[in-house]
Protein backbone atom coordinates (compact mmCIF):
# COMPACT_ATOMS: atom_id res chain seq x y z
CA MET A 1 88.45 74.65 139.03
CA LYS A 2 91.23 75.66 136.65
CA HIS A 3 88.85 75.42 133.67
CA CYS A 4 86.30 77.57 135.49
CA TRP A 5 88.84 80.33 135.97
CA ILE A 6 89.73 80.19 132.26
CA LEU A 7 86.05 80.56 131.35
CA ILE A 8 85.59 83.43 133.80
CA SER A 9 88.65 85.19 132.34
CA LEU A 10 87.28 84.88 128.82
CA LEU A 11 83.91 86.24 129.90
CA PHE A 12 85.57 89.15 131.66
CA PHE A 13 88.12 90.18 129.04
CA PHE A 14 86.39 89.25 125.80
CA PRO A 15 82.62 89.80 126.30
CA SER A 16 81.97 91.26 122.86
CA LEU A 17 83.36 88.17 121.15
CA LEU A 18 80.73 86.00 122.78
CA ILE A 19 77.76 88.03 121.56
CA SER A 20 77.39 86.22 118.26
CA GLN A 21 79.27 83.97 115.93
CA SER A 22 80.84 85.46 112.86
CA PRO A 23 79.28 84.52 109.50
CA TYR A 24 82.82 84.09 108.15
CA GLU A 25 85.49 81.46 108.51
CA THR A 26 89.11 82.56 108.46
CA ASN A 27 92.25 80.57 109.02
CA TRP A 28 95.85 80.79 107.83
CA LYS A 29 95.48 77.96 105.33
CA LYS A 30 92.53 79.67 103.68
CA GLU A 31 93.96 83.19 103.76
CA ILE A 32 97.35 82.43 102.25
CA PRO A 33 96.04 82.18 98.63
CA PHE A 34 94.11 85.45 98.96
CA LEU A 35 96.99 87.29 100.61
CA ALA A 36 99.50 85.88 98.11
CA SER A 37 97.29 86.94 95.20
CA GLY A 38 97.00 90.47 96.53
CA ILE A 39 100.68 90.89 97.37
CA SER A 40 101.95 89.34 94.12
CA SER A 41 99.58 91.36 91.93
CA VAL A 42 100.57 94.60 93.66
CA GLY A 43 104.24 93.66 93.32
CA LEU A 44 103.82 92.99 89.60
CA SER A 45 101.99 96.28 89.11
CA VAL A 46 104.87 98.14 90.81
CA TYR A 47 107.33 96.53 88.41
CA LEU A 48 105.18 97.35 85.37
CA ALA A 49 104.85 100.94 86.61
CA SER A 50 108.64 101.26 86.60
CA GLN A 51 108.65 100.25 82.93
CA ASN A 52 105.89 102.64 81.90
CA GLN A 53 106.90 105.52 79.65
CA GLY A 54 104.90 108.53 78.60
CA LEU A 55 104.15 109.78 75.12
CA ASN A 56 106.56 112.08 73.36
CA ILE A 57 105.57 115.30 71.61
CA THR A 58 105.57 113.72 68.15
CA GLU A 59 103.23 110.94 69.28
CA ILE A 60 100.88 113.41 70.94
CA GLU A 61 100.69 115.61 67.85
CA SER A 62 99.79 112.60 65.71
CA LEU A 63 96.83 111.56 67.87
CA ASN A 64 93.35 111.79 66.41
CA SER A 65 90.19 111.44 68.53
CA ASN A 66 88.43 109.80 65.56
CA SER A 67 90.47 106.68 66.33
CA ILE A 68 88.48 106.31 69.55
CA ASN A 69 85.34 104.19 69.35
CA SER A 70 82.07 106.11 69.04
CA PHE A 71 80.88 105.04 72.51
CA ASP A 72 83.87 106.61 74.25
CA ARG A 73 84.80 109.44 71.91
CA PHE A 74 82.84 112.25 73.59
CA ALA A 75 85.05 111.92 76.69
CA THR A 76 87.98 113.41 74.74
CA GLU A 77 86.23 116.79 74.90
CA ASN A 78 86.11 116.76 78.71
CA PHE A 79 88.51 118.28 81.18
CA SER A 80 87.71 119.56 84.66
CA LEU A 81 90.04 119.94 87.62
CA GLN A 82 87.04 120.43 89.92
CA ALA A 83 85.52 117.12 88.82
CA LYS A 84 88.87 115.43 89.45
CA GLN A 85 89.05 116.87 92.97
CA ASN A 86 85.47 115.81 93.70
CA SER A 87 86.18 112.28 92.52
CA ASP A 88 89.16 112.18 94.90
CA VAL A 89 86.83 113.09 97.76
CA PHE A 90 84.57 110.12 96.96
CA LEU A 91 87.57 107.81 96.69
CA ILE A 92 89.08 108.87 100.01
CA GLY A 93 85.72 108.87 101.75
CA SER A 94 84.89 105.34 100.58
CA GLN A 95 88.09 104.05 102.19
CA PHE A 96 86.62 104.78 105.61
CA THR A 97 83.46 102.68 105.09
CA PRO A 98 84.83 99.63 106.98
CA LEU A 99 85.21 101.83 110.07
CA LEU A 100 81.41 102.05 110.22
CA PHE A 101 81.45 98.50 111.59
CA LEU A 102 82.96 99.92 114.78
CA SER A 103 79.65 101.64 115.51
CA HIS A 104 77.78 98.49 116.57
CA GLN A 105 78.74 95.90 119.15
CA LYS A 106 78.00 92.89 116.97
CA SER A 107 80.17 94.00 114.05
CA ARG A 108 82.79 95.45 116.40
CA ALA A 109 83.28 91.98 117.89
CA HIS A 110 84.43 90.70 114.50
CA PHE A 111 86.22 93.84 113.34
CA GLY A 112 89.63 92.20 113.10
CA GLN A 113 88.23 89.48 110.86
CA ILE A 114 86.37 92.04 108.73
CA MET A 115 89.55 94.07 108.22
CA THR A 116 91.43 90.93 107.18
CA LEU A 117 88.89 90.31 104.42
CA TYR A 118 88.92 94.00 103.50
CA GLY A 119 92.69 93.99 103.15
CA GLU A 120 92.49 91.00 100.82
CA ALA A 121 89.80 92.62 98.67
CA VAL A 122 91.61 95.95 98.41
CA SER A 123 95.02 94.46 97.59
CA ILE A 124 93.63 92.14 94.90
CA ASN A 125 91.61 94.95 93.34
CA LEU A 126 94.54 97.36 93.47
CA GLY A 127 96.94 94.87 91.92
CA LEU A 128 94.61 93.85 89.08
CA THR A 129 93.67 97.47 88.35
CA PHE A 130 97.24 98.68 87.96
CA ILE A 131 98.33 95.60 86.03
CA ALA A 132 95.56 96.36 83.55
CA LYS A 133 96.62 100.01 83.36
CA TYR A 134 100.28 99.33 82.64
CA VAL A 135 99.62 96.45 80.24
CA SER A 136 96.96 98.21 78.16
CA ARG A 137 98.64 101.66 78.28
CA ARG A 138 95.50 103.34 76.99
CA ASN A 139 95.74 107.10 76.56
CA ARG A 140 93.51 109.13 78.83
CA PRO A 141 90.79 111.18 77.08
CA PHE A 142 92.39 114.54 77.92
CA VAL A 143 95.43 113.57 75.84
CA TYR A 144 93.28 114.17 72.73
CA ASN A 145 92.00 117.51 74.03
CA PRO A 146 93.87 120.44 72.38
CA SER A 147 93.03 122.80 75.26
CA VAL A 148 94.90 120.71 77.86
CA ASP A 149 98.45 121.70 78.78
CA LEU A 150 101.15 119.66 77.05
CA SER A 151 102.97 118.90 80.32
CA LEU A 152 100.01 116.82 81.52
CA LYS A 153 99.98 114.82 78.30
CA LEU A 154 103.69 114.03 78.59
CA ASP A 155 103.30 112.51 82.04
CA PRO A 156 103.47 108.66 82.08
CA GLY A 157 100.18 108.66 84.02
CA ALA A 158 98.46 109.96 80.91
CA ARG A 159 98.71 106.41 79.53
CA THR A 160 96.87 104.66 82.36
CA SER A 161 93.23 105.09 81.39
CA PHE A 162 92.04 101.47 81.38
CA TRP A 163 90.47 100.66 83.70
CA SER A 164 89.36 103.34 86.16
CA GLY A 165 91.09 102.92 89.51
CA HIS A 166 88.75 105.40 91.17
CA ALA A 167 85.71 103.44 89.99
CA SER A 168 87.13 100.04 90.96
CA SER A 169 88.36 101.26 94.36
CA THR A 170 85.14 103.01 95.39
CA ALA A 171 83.19 99.99 94.15
CA VAL A 172 85.26 97.46 96.11
CA ASN A 173 84.97 99.63 99.23
CA SER A 174 81.24 100.25 99.05
CA PHE A 175 80.14 96.81 97.85
CA PHE A 176 82.38 95.09 100.41
CA ALA A 177 80.71 97.11 103.17
CA ALA A 178 77.24 96.31 101.81
CA LYS A 179 77.98 92.59 101.56
CA VAL A 180 79.42 92.37 105.07
CA PHE A 181 76.52 94.38 106.48
CA SER A 182 74.04 92.00 104.82
CA ASP A 183 75.87 88.95 106.17
CA LEU A 184 76.04 90.34 109.70
CA TYR A 185 72.51 91.75 109.74
CA PRO A 186 70.49 89.61 107.27
CA ASN A 187 67.15 90.84 108.63
CA SER A 188 67.98 94.54 108.76
CA LYS A 189 65.51 96.96 107.18
CA TRP A 190 68.47 99.11 106.16
CA LYS A 191 69.76 96.63 103.58
CA PRO A 192 68.09 98.32 100.56
CA VAL A 193 69.53 101.67 101.63
CA ILE A 194 73.01 100.21 102.14
CA TRP A 195 73.02 98.47 98.76
CA GLY A 196 71.60 101.56 97.08
CA ALA A 197 74.42 103.67 98.51
CA ALA A 198 76.96 101.02 97.51
CA ALA A 199 75.79 101.17 93.90
CA THR A 200 75.53 104.97 93.79
CA ILE A 201 78.90 106.00 95.23
CA PRO A 202 81.09 104.39 92.53
CA ALA A 203 78.62 105.46 89.83
CA ILE A 204 78.98 109.12 90.83
CA THR A 205 82.74 108.70 91.10
CA GLY A 206 82.86 107.22 87.61
CA TYR A 207 80.79 110.07 86.19
CA LEU A 208 83.18 112.60 87.73
CA ARG A 209 86.19 110.78 86.25
CA ILE A 210 84.62 110.99 82.79
CA LYS A 211 83.79 114.67 83.30
CA ALA A 212 87.36 115.30 84.44
CA GLY A 213 88.69 113.87 81.16
CA LYS A 214 90.49 111.13 83.06
CA HIS A 215 88.52 108.18 81.77
CA TYR A 216 86.25 106.89 79.03
CA PRO A 217 82.85 105.37 79.88
CA SER A 218 84.20 101.89 79.11
CA ASP A 219 87.03 102.43 81.64
CA VAL A 220 84.50 103.31 84.31
CA ILE A 221 82.14 100.44 83.51
CA VAL A 222 84.88 97.79 83.66
CA GLY A 223 86.35 99.31 86.82
CA TYR A 224 82.93 99.43 88.47
CA ILE A 225 82.15 95.80 87.66
CA THR A 226 85.60 94.56 88.71
CA GLY A 227 85.59 96.38 92.04
CA ALA A 228 82.01 95.37 92.84
CA ALA A 229 82.72 91.71 92.01
CA ILE A 230 85.81 91.58 94.23
CA GLY A 231 84.07 93.43 97.05
CA ILE A 232 81.25 90.89 97.06
CA LEU A 233 83.20 87.73 96.30
CA ILE A 234 85.87 87.97 99.01
CA PRO A 235 83.32 87.94 101.89
CA HIS A 236 81.16 85.40 100.03
CA LEU A 237 84.05 82.97 99.63
CA HIS A 238 84.67 83.18 103.38
CA ARG A 239 81.11 82.40 104.38
CA LYS A 240 80.72 79.51 106.77
CA LYS A 241 79.13 76.47 105.23
CA SER A 242 75.99 75.42 107.05
CA GLY A 243 76.17 72.08 108.79
CA LYS A 244 79.95 71.97 108.72
CA LYS A 245 81.59 71.14 112.04
CA ARG A 246 84.69 73.09 112.96
CA ASN A 247 87.11 71.87 115.53
CA VAL A 248 88.88 75.18 115.97
CA ASN A 249 87.42 78.63 115.41
CA PHE A 250 89.43 81.82 115.75
CA GLN A 251 87.77 85.19 116.26
CA MET A 252 89.37 88.57 116.79
CA GLY A 253 87.83 91.82 117.95
CA LEU A 254 88.87 95.08 119.52
CA ASP A 255 88.74 93.60 123.00
CA GLY A 256 91.04 90.68 122.20
CA ALA A 257 91.01 87.27 120.58
CA LEU A 258 89.16 84.05 121.29
CA VAL A 259 90.06 80.54 120.24
CA ARG A 260 87.16 78.16 120.66
CA VAL A 261 87.67 74.38 120.48
CA VAL A 262 84.66 72.19 119.72
CA PHE A 263 84.77 68.44 120.35
C-alpha cells in the first residue's frame, strides 16, 4: 500500500515528467568535466582580461591597413554604430531561444535538463572565445580607419577582434536550440525551418559585426564555426546510448523532479 501511495503522489505532482523519456542522460559524474571546463575557461579569460592593455597613440599612428591580409582588409573601411546596435539585438534575442522549449509540454518536462546542457555550452563557448581574444590581441578593423575617434582606438577592447564573440554566441544559442529540438522532435516537419533559422541568425549577426567595423570576415567565420560546433556537440555528447540499461535516471522539469530506479 505504501508503494501505491508513492506512485499516486508522483502521478499527481509530476505528470509532465511521465509524458516521455528525455533523449539525454545527465548525472553529476558526467556533468563535472563539462561544468569544470566552462568555469575554468571563463575564470582564465577573466584573468587574461585583467592583463589586457590597449594601444597607445604612437602604436595607432604607425598602423597600416596594408598589413592586413587581402581577404580581411576591406573591413578596415567599415564603421557603423547602427550595425553594432543591430548586432546587439540579434545577440540578446538569441539568448532567449531556450525559453521556447517552455511552449510545449514535452520539452517543458525536461526543461531543467535542457538548461543544464545550455549552461555548459554557453560557459564553454564564452570561456574559449575570450581566451582567444586576449591571447591573440588582434586589432579590430576600425582601429585602422582614420575617420574613427581616437578614444575608441585607445580602449583595450579595440584589441579583441579574434574571434567574434557575437558570432560564436548567437551560433551556440541557435544551433543548440536546433539540435535539442531535433532530438526531442525527430519527426517534426519544422526541422528544416529550425535549422535554417539557426544557420541564418549568426550569419546575419556576423555580417553586421563586419559592417560595424568590429570584426574581419575571418573573425566571424571562426566564431560561427566554434559556436555552432559547441552548440551541437554538448547535446550530442549527452545523448542516451541505445540498448544501454540505466539503473537510476534523474529528470527535472518545471513541476518537480523524478528519480526512476530500474531493476
